[in-house]
Amino acid sequence: MDWHAILSQSMQQGLGPVAAVYCLAAIGLNVHFGYTGLLNFGQAGFMAVGGYAVSSFVTTWGLSFWLGCVVALLASAVLALLLGVPTLRLRADYLAIVTIAAAEIIRQTIGSVTLLKYFGGQDGLQGFNSSFAALNPFSGRIGIPGVVTWRPYDFWTLLVSWALVALFCVMVWALMRSPWGRVLKSIREDEDAVRSLGKNVYAYKMQSLVIGGVIGGVAGIMSALQHSAINPSFFATDTTFFAYTVLLVGGAARVLGPVAGTVIFWFLISFLDLFFGQATSGTDPSIPAAIMNSNQASLMRFIFMGLALMLLMIYRPQGIFGDRRELALDAR
């Protein structure tokens, strides 16, 4: 068992660009669910809109990458408005149903044969990140030699993604300490009481949905840039569920909850995958084939993480760093 390789690669995943992308998505969900109590199960839809807006602007229409980024943010905001107008006056579970359905509709639409010339179908799009890659100041592998290193482009996307995480964490911290943020928390606790004080609950919910959706759009942009490609499989339903897992592990309604949850989740997922992979491979495996083979080993990480999440929800539902008083699982 090569423990050095297991720990090194696990750390690389826990701090890498993929983890940063999920952290951005979880920050958006934190605004929705953690602070406002909105059940958005379609964050992958916001990510898809953001990522495809940039990639199609450059690849399909030959327009500016930076203009595509602006359009991606606007498109994410428009999607939030389209989803919020018919649902935010209703119970929270209606928003959950609409968002998860909308995310799947978006994924199936962009992958359809009808729109193949615009979005590349199931193969997706490539070659749209040259403007972003041209800003990369690094050459050679970057990191701590012998511990964890990244290729120059991976490190560049990692640096930009975590810088955006820091920016949005500061923004969320400032917003939630303001009177506007205190109204959001009050809506999460009891929106009828907030409405009785003369506040426009619908408008505050819509603003929260737009802000969190735009952050999700940024996550989609960085996901496309990190892979240097984009296709519909990047935005399957489990993308949203992984972002929720990250949020719940770290602690909802905590500014740094998504950050801590991201590092812990991706480190453990990678650690378990590598551990069981090595334990069932080679001429003398640590785990006999009669108990588990290499094909089964790849699934053990999800089994163990699922059990860990169940135990966390039973014994510490507020997450590792959360506060029970801040978390209200209410679907009224």
Protein backbone atom coordinates (compact mmCIF):
# COMPACT_ATOMS: atom_id res chain seq x y z
CA MET A 1 0.00 0.00 0.00
CA ASP A 2 1.58 3.27 -1.17
CA TRP A 3 0.35 5.64 1.54
CA HIS A 4 2.42 8.55 0.22
CA ALA A 5 0.74 8.37 -3.19
CA ILE A 6 -2.70 7.99 -1.63
CA LEU A 7 -2.31 11.00 0.65
CA SER A 8 -0.62 13.13 -2.01
CA GLN A 9 -3.28 12.51 -4.64
CA SER A 10 -6.07 12.93 -2.09
CA MET A 11 -4.66 16.30 -1.08
CA GLN A 12 -4.37 17.24 -4.73
CA GLN A 13 -8.07 16.53 -5.22
CA GLY A 14 -9.11 18.25 -1.99
CA LEU A 15 -7.36 21.47 -2.99
CA GLY A 16 -7.64 21.18 -6.76
CA PRO A 17 -9.67 23.09 -9.35
CA VAL A 18 -12.54 20.57 -9.35
CA ALA A 19 -12.98 21.07 -5.61
CA ALA A 20 -12.94 24.84 -6.09
CA VAL A 21 -15.70 24.58 -8.72
CA TYR A 22 -17.93 22.63 -6.33
CA CYS A 23 -17.12 25.13 -3.60
CA LEU A 24 -18.41 27.95 -5.82
CA ALA A 25 -21.59 25.99 -6.52
CA ALA A 26 -22.03 25.34 -2.79
CA ILE A 27 -21.58 29.03 -1.95
CA GLY A 28 -24.49 29.79 -4.25
CA LEU A 29 -26.55 27.09 -2.54
CA ASN A 30 -25.55 28.54 0.81
CA VAL A 31 -27.19 31.83 -0.17
CA HIS A 32 -30.29 29.94 -1.30
CA PHE A 33 -30.67 27.23 1.30
CA GLY A 34 -28.41 28.19 4.19
CA TYR A 35 -29.44 31.82 4.55
CA THR A 36 -32.84 32.08 2.84
CA GLY A 37 -34.27 28.58 3.19
CA LEU A 38 -34.85 28.13 -0.56
CA LEU A 39 -34.69 24.52 -1.76
CA ASN A 40 -32.86 24.85 -5.07
CA PHE A 41 -32.23 21.35 -6.42
CA GLY A 42 -31.15 22.64 -9.83
CA GLN A 43 -27.83 24.38 -9.24
CA ALA A 44 -26.41 22.25 -12.07
CA GLY A 45 -28.79 24.10 -14.40
CA PHE A 46 -27.29 27.47 -13.46
CA MET A 47 -23.82 25.98 -13.97
CA ALA A 48 -24.80 24.64 -17.39
CA VAL A 49 -26.18 28.01 -18.50
CA GLY A 50 -23.01 29.79 -17.36
CA GLY A 51 -20.61 27.30 -18.90
CA TYR A 52 -22.41 26.92 -22.22
CA ALA A 53 -22.95 30.66 -22.62
CA VAL A 54 -19.19 31.23 -22.58
CA SER A 55 -18.21 28.21 -24.66
CA SER A 56 -20.84 28.71 -27.36
CA PHE A 57 -20.12 32.44 -27.63
CA VAL A 58 -16.50 31.69 -28.48
CA THR A 59 -16.73 28.38 -30.36
CA THR A 60 -20.04 28.71 -32.22
CA TRP A 61 -20.31 32.42 -32.84
CA GLY A 62 -16.65 33.44 -32.68
CA LEU A 63 -17.25 36.25 -30.21
CA SER A 64 -15.16 37.50 -27.30
CA PHE A 65 -14.56 35.20 -24.35
CA TRP A 66 -14.96 38.09 -21.91
CA LEU A 67 -18.23 39.16 -23.50
CA GLY A 68 -19.32 35.54 -23.13
CA CYS A 69 -18.58 35.72 -19.40
CA VAL A 70 -20.82 38.78 -19.04
CA VAL A 71 -23.59 37.09 -21.01
CA ALA A 72 -23.19 33.95 -18.87
CA LEU A 73 -23.81 35.93 -15.69
CA LEU A 74 -26.81 37.67 -17.23
CA ALA A 75 -28.20 34.36 -18.49
CA SER A 76 -27.88 32.86 -15.00
CA ALA A 77 -29.77 35.82 -13.56
CA VAL A 78 -32.51 35.47 -16.20
CA LEU A 79 -32.85 31.75 -15.42
CA ALA A 80 -33.30 32.62 -11.73
CA LEU A 81 -36.04 35.07 -12.65
CA LEU A 82 -37.80 32.55 -14.89
CA LEU A 83 -37.73 29.91 -12.15
CA GLY A 84 -38.58 32.27 -9.33
CA VAL A 85 -41.54 34.17 -10.79
CA PRO A 86 -43.97 31.21 -10.78
CA THR A 87 -42.68 29.44 -7.66
CA LEU A 88 -41.44 31.82 -4.98
CA ARG A 89 -44.96 32.75 -3.88
CA LEU A 90 -45.70 29.07 -3.28
CA ARG A 91 -44.36 26.51 -0.79
CA ALA A 92 -40.65 25.74 -0.81
CA ASP A 93 -41.12 22.23 -2.22
CA TYR A 94 -42.54 23.67 -5.45
CA LEU A 95 -39.25 25.50 -6.03
CA ALA A 96 -37.37 22.24 -5.42
CA ILE A 97 -39.49 20.41 -8.02
CA VAL A 98 -39.22 23.18 -10.60
CA THR A 99 -35.47 23.66 -10.24
CA ILE A 100 -34.53 19.98 -10.48
CA ALA A 101 -36.79 19.61 -13.52
CA ALA A 102 -35.42 22.77 -15.14
CA ALA A 103 -31.82 21.62 -14.68
CA GLU A 104 -32.58 18.33 -16.40
CA ILE A 105 -34.49 20.07 -19.20
CA ILE A 106 -31.52 22.36 -19.80
CA ARG A 107 -29.09 19.42 -19.85
CA GLN A 108 -31.19 17.41 -22.28
CA THR A 109 -31.81 20.43 -24.51
CA ILE A 110 -28.17 21.46 -24.91
CA GLY A 111 -27.25 17.86 -25.64
CA SER A 112 -29.96 17.37 -28.27
CA VAL A 113 -29.26 16.66 -31.94
CA THR A 114 -31.49 19.59 -32.95
CA LEU A 115 -29.06 22.09 -31.37
CA LEU A 116 -25.93 20.16 -32.36
CA LYS A 117 -24.44 23.01 -34.41
CA TYR A 118 -24.75 25.41 -31.47
CA PHE A 119 -23.79 23.30 -28.45
CA GLY A 120 -22.02 20.27 -29.91
CA GLY A 121 -24.57 17.70 -28.73
CA GLN A 122 -23.33 15.00 -26.37
CA ASP A 123 -19.72 15.64 -27.48
CA GLY A 124 -19.88 19.23 -26.27
CA LEU A 125 -17.56 22.07 -27.21
CA GLN A 126 -13.83 22.70 -27.04
CA GLY A 127 -11.30 25.37 -27.96
CA PHE A 128 -12.95 28.29 -26.18
CA ASN A 129 -10.40 28.88 -23.40
CA SER A 130 -7.48 30.34 -25.35
CA SER A 131 -8.05 33.89 -24.01
CA PHE A 132 -8.08 32.58 -20.46
CA ALA A 133 -5.08 30.29 -21.01
CA ALA A 134 -3.09 33.17 -22.53
CA LEU A 135 -3.15 34.91 -19.14
CA ASN A 136 -1.44 31.93 -17.45
CA PRO A 137 1.87 33.20 -15.99
CA PHE A 138 3.10 29.77 -14.88
CA SER A 139 5.35 27.21 -16.55
CA GLY A 140 6.45 23.83 -15.25
CA ARG A 141 4.72 21.93 -12.46
CA ILE A 142 3.68 24.10 -9.50
CA GLY A 143 3.25 23.04 -5.88
CA ILE A 144 5.25 21.34 -3.16
CA PRO A 145 7.64 18.83 -4.79
CA GLY A 146 7.17 15.35 -3.40
CA VAL A 147 3.89 16.31 -1.74
CA VAL A 148 1.43 17.79 -4.25
CA THR A 149 1.97 19.45 -7.64
CA TRP A 150 -0.17 20.61 -10.56
CA ARG A 151 0.42 21.26 -14.23
CA PRO A 152 0.70 24.98 -15.14
CA TYR A 153 -2.81 25.32 -16.59
CA ASP A 154 -4.38 23.32 -13.76
CA PHE A 155 -2.65 25.52 -11.22
CA TRP A 156 -3.82 28.64 -13.06
CA THR A 157 -7.45 27.52 -13.01
CA LEU A 158 -7.02 26.44 -9.38
CA LEU A 159 -5.67 29.87 -8.43
CA VAL A 160 -8.43 31.77 -10.23
CA SER A 161 -11.15 29.48 -8.87
CA TRP A 162 -10.03 29.76 -5.25
CA ALA A 163 -9.61 33.52 -5.68
CA LEU A 164 -13.25 33.66 -6.78
CA VAL A 165 -14.18 31.52 -3.78
CA ALA A 166 -12.45 34.03 -1.50
CA LEU A 167 -14.18 36.94 -3.26
CA PHE A 168 -17.64 35.41 -2.94
CA CYS A 169 -17.03 34.41 0.68
CA VAL A 170 -16.21 38.02 1.51
CA MET A 171 -19.25 39.18 -0.44
CA VAL A 172 -21.58 36.74 1.35
CA TRP A 173 -20.08 37.68 4.72
CA ALA A 174 -20.70 41.38 4.03
CA LEU A 175 -24.22 40.82 2.69
CA MET A 176 -25.33 38.64 5.59
CA ARG A 177 -24.10 41.16 8.15
CA SER A 178 -26.15 43.89 6.47
CA PRO A 179 -29.84 44.64 7.14
CA TRP A 180 -30.64 42.90 3.84
CA GLY A 181 -28.95 39.72 5.03
CA ARG A 182 -30.75 39.81 8.36
CA VAL A 183 -34.06 39.95 6.50
CA LEU A 184 -33.05 36.84 4.54
CA LYS A 185 -32.30 34.97 7.76
CA SER A 186 -35.64 36.08 9.15
CA ILE A 187 -37.40 34.76 6.06
CA ARG A 188 -35.69 31.42 6.59
CA GLU A 189 -36.98 31.29 10.15
CA ASP A 190 -40.53 32.63 9.69
CA GLU A 191 -41.50 34.42 6.51
CA ASP A 192 -45.02 35.20 7.80
CA ALA A 193 -43.52 37.23 10.64
CA VAL A 194 -41.31 39.10 8.17
CA ARG A 195 -44.29 39.79 5.94
CA SER A 196 -46.24 41.14 8.90
CA LEU A 197 -43.50 43.73 9.39
CA GLY A 198 -44.11 45.11 5.92
CA LYS A 199 -41.20 43.47 4.10
CA ASN A 200 -41.65 42.23 0.55
CA VAL A 201 -40.71 38.58 1.11
CA TYR A 202 -41.15 37.70 -2.56
CA ALA A 203 -38.67 40.38 -3.66
CA TYR A 204 -36.07 39.30 -1.09
CA LYS A 205 -36.40 35.65 -2.14
CA MET A 206 -35.99 36.62 -5.78
CA GLN A 207 -32.88 38.65 -5.03
CA SER A 208 -31.40 35.71 -3.12
CA LEU A 209 -32.24 33.29 -5.95
CA VAL A 210 -30.58 35.58 -8.51
CA ILE A 211 -27.40 36.07 -6.46
CA GLY A 212 -26.97 32.38 -5.72
CA GLY A 213 -27.78 31.51 -9.33
CA VAL A 214 -25.16 33.93 -10.66
CA ILE A 215 -22.56 32.36 -8.35
CA GLY A 216 -23.63 29.00 -9.77
CA GLY A 217 -23.10 30.42 -13.27
CA VAL A 218 -19.55 31.39 -12.30
CA ALA A 219 -19.02 27.81 -11.10
CA GLY A 220 -20.16 26.59 -14.53
CA ILE A 221 -17.71 28.91 -16.28
CA MET A 222 -14.82 27.67 -14.17
CA SER A 223 -15.89 24.05 -14.68
CA ALA A 224 -15.68 24.53 -18.45
CA LEU A 225 -12.31 26.28 -18.19
CA GLN A 226 -10.92 23.64 -15.84
CA HIS A 227 -11.70 20.85 -18.31
CA SER A 228 -10.86 22.98 -21.38
CA ALA A 229 -14.09 21.50 -22.73
CA ILE A 230 -17.75 21.23 -21.87
CA ASN A 231 -20.46 18.63 -22.40
CA PRO A 232 -23.87 17.89 -20.85
CA SER A 233 -22.51 15.13 -18.59
CA PHE A 234 -20.75 17.78 -16.49
CA PHE A 235 -24.14 19.00 -15.27
CA ALA A 236 -26.00 15.83 -14.31
CA THR A 237 -28.25 15.81 -11.27
CA ASP A 238 -25.51 14.42 -9.03
CA THR A 239 -23.58 17.68 -9.55
CA THR A 240 -26.19 19.52 -7.48
CA PHE A 241 -26.31 16.74 -4.90
CA PHE A 242 -22.51 16.79 -4.51
CA ALA A 243 -22.67 20.56 -3.98
CA TYR A 244 -25.34 20.04 -1.32
CA THR A 245 -23.18 17.38 0.33
CA VAL A 246 -20.28 19.80 0.43
CA LEU A 247 -22.51 22.44 2.00
CA LEU A 248 -24.03 20.12 4.61
CA VAL A 249 -20.69 18.60 5.58
CA GLY A 250 -19.08 21.98 6.20
CA GLY A 251 -22.16 23.61 7.69
CA ALA A 252 -24.97 25.59 6.07
CA ALA A 253 -25.36 29.29 6.91
CA ARG A 254 -21.64 29.54 7.62
CA VAL A 255 -19.51 31.65 5.29
CA LEU A 256 -16.63 29.18 5.33
CA GLY A 257 -18.84 26.10 5.56
CA PRO A 258 -18.66 25.37 1.80
CA VAL A 259 -14.88 25.81 1.82
CA ALA A 260 -14.31 23.38 4.68
CA GLY A 261 -16.88 20.95 3.32
CA THR A 262 -15.29 20.97 -0.14
CA VAL A 263 -11.80 20.15 1.11
CA ILE A 264 -13.04 17.42 3.45
CA PHE A 265 -15.43 15.85 0.93
CA TRP A 266 -13.05 15.68 -2.03
CA PHE A 267 -10.11 14.58 0.10
CA LEU A 268 -12.13 11.69 1.54
CA ILE A 269 -13.69 10.70 -1.79
CA SER A 270 -10.26 10.52 -3.40
CA PHE A 271 -8.69 8.81 -0.36
CA LEU A 272 -11.32 6.08 -0.26
CA ASP A 273 -11.14 5.52 -4.01
CA LEU A 274 -7.35 5.18 -3.99
CA PHE A 275 -7.29 3.09 -0.82
CA PHE A 276 -9.79 0.49 -2.02
CA GLY A 277 -8.28 0.58 -5.51
CA GLN A 278 -4.85 -0.33 -4.19
CA ALA A 279 -6.23 -2.75 -1.61
CA THR A 280 -7.88 -4.87 -4.34
CA SER A 281 -5.16 -4.70 -7.01
CA GLY A 282 -1.77 -6.33 -7.50
CA THR A 283 -0.60 -9.90 -7.11
CA ASP A 284 -1.12 -9.91 -3.34
CA PRO A 285 -4.15 -7.65 -2.61
CA SER A 286 -4.88 -6.60 0.98
CA ILE A 287 -8.56 -7.38 0.42
CA PRO A 288 -9.11 -10.85 -1.11
CA ALA A 289 -11.08 -11.09 -4.34
CA ALA A 290 -13.60 -13.29 -2.52
CA ILE A 291 -14.60 -10.23 -0.48
CA MET A 292 -14.22 -7.47 -3.06
CA ASN A 293 -12.83 -7.13 -6.58
CA SER A 294 -11.43 -4.04 -8.30
CA ASN A 295 -14.75 -3.25 -10.02
CA GLN A 296 -16.59 -3.23 -6.69
CA ALA A 297 -13.83 -1.19 -5.06
CA SER A 298 -14.67 1.85 -7.21
CA LEU A 299 -18.13 1.99 -5.60
CA MET A 300 -16.98 1.75 -1.99
CA ARG A 301 -16.17 5.45 -1.75
CA PHE A 302 -19.82 6.35 -2.34
CA ILE A 303 -21.04 3.71 0.10
CA PHE A 304 -18.76 4.95 2.87
CA MET A 305 -19.46 8.62 2.14
CA GLY A 306 -23.19 7.91 2.12
CA LEU A 307 -22.98 6.20 5.51
CA ALA A 308 -20.86 9.05 6.86
CA LEU A 309 -23.40 11.61 5.62
CA MET A 310 -26.27 9.68 7.20
CA LEU A 311 -24.46 9.60 10.55
CA LEU A 312 -23.63 13.30 10.24
CA MET A 313 -27.30 14.15 9.64
CA ILE A 314 -28.34 12.04 12.65
CA TYR A 315 -25.80 13.25 15.19
CA ARG A 316 -24.78 16.67 13.84
CA PRO A 317 -27.33 17.89 11.28
CA GLN A 318 -25.85 21.39 11.27
CA GLY A 319 -22.60 20.06 9.75
CA ILE A 320 -19.10 19.90 11.17
CA PHE A 321 -18.68 23.65 11.63
CA GLY A 322 -22.33 24.74 11.59
CA ASP A 323 -24.62 26.00 14.30
CA ARG A 324 -27.85 24.08 14.94
CA ARG A 325 -29.68 27.37 15.49
CA GLU A 326 -28.77 28.50 11.96
CA LEU A 327 -30.17 25.46 10.18
CA ALA A 328 -33.89 25.17 9.59
CA LEU A 329 -34.95 22.22 7.42
CA ASP A 330 -38.40 23.59 6.73
CA ALA A 331 -40.40 22.95 3.56
CA ARG A 332 -43.42 25.05 4.35
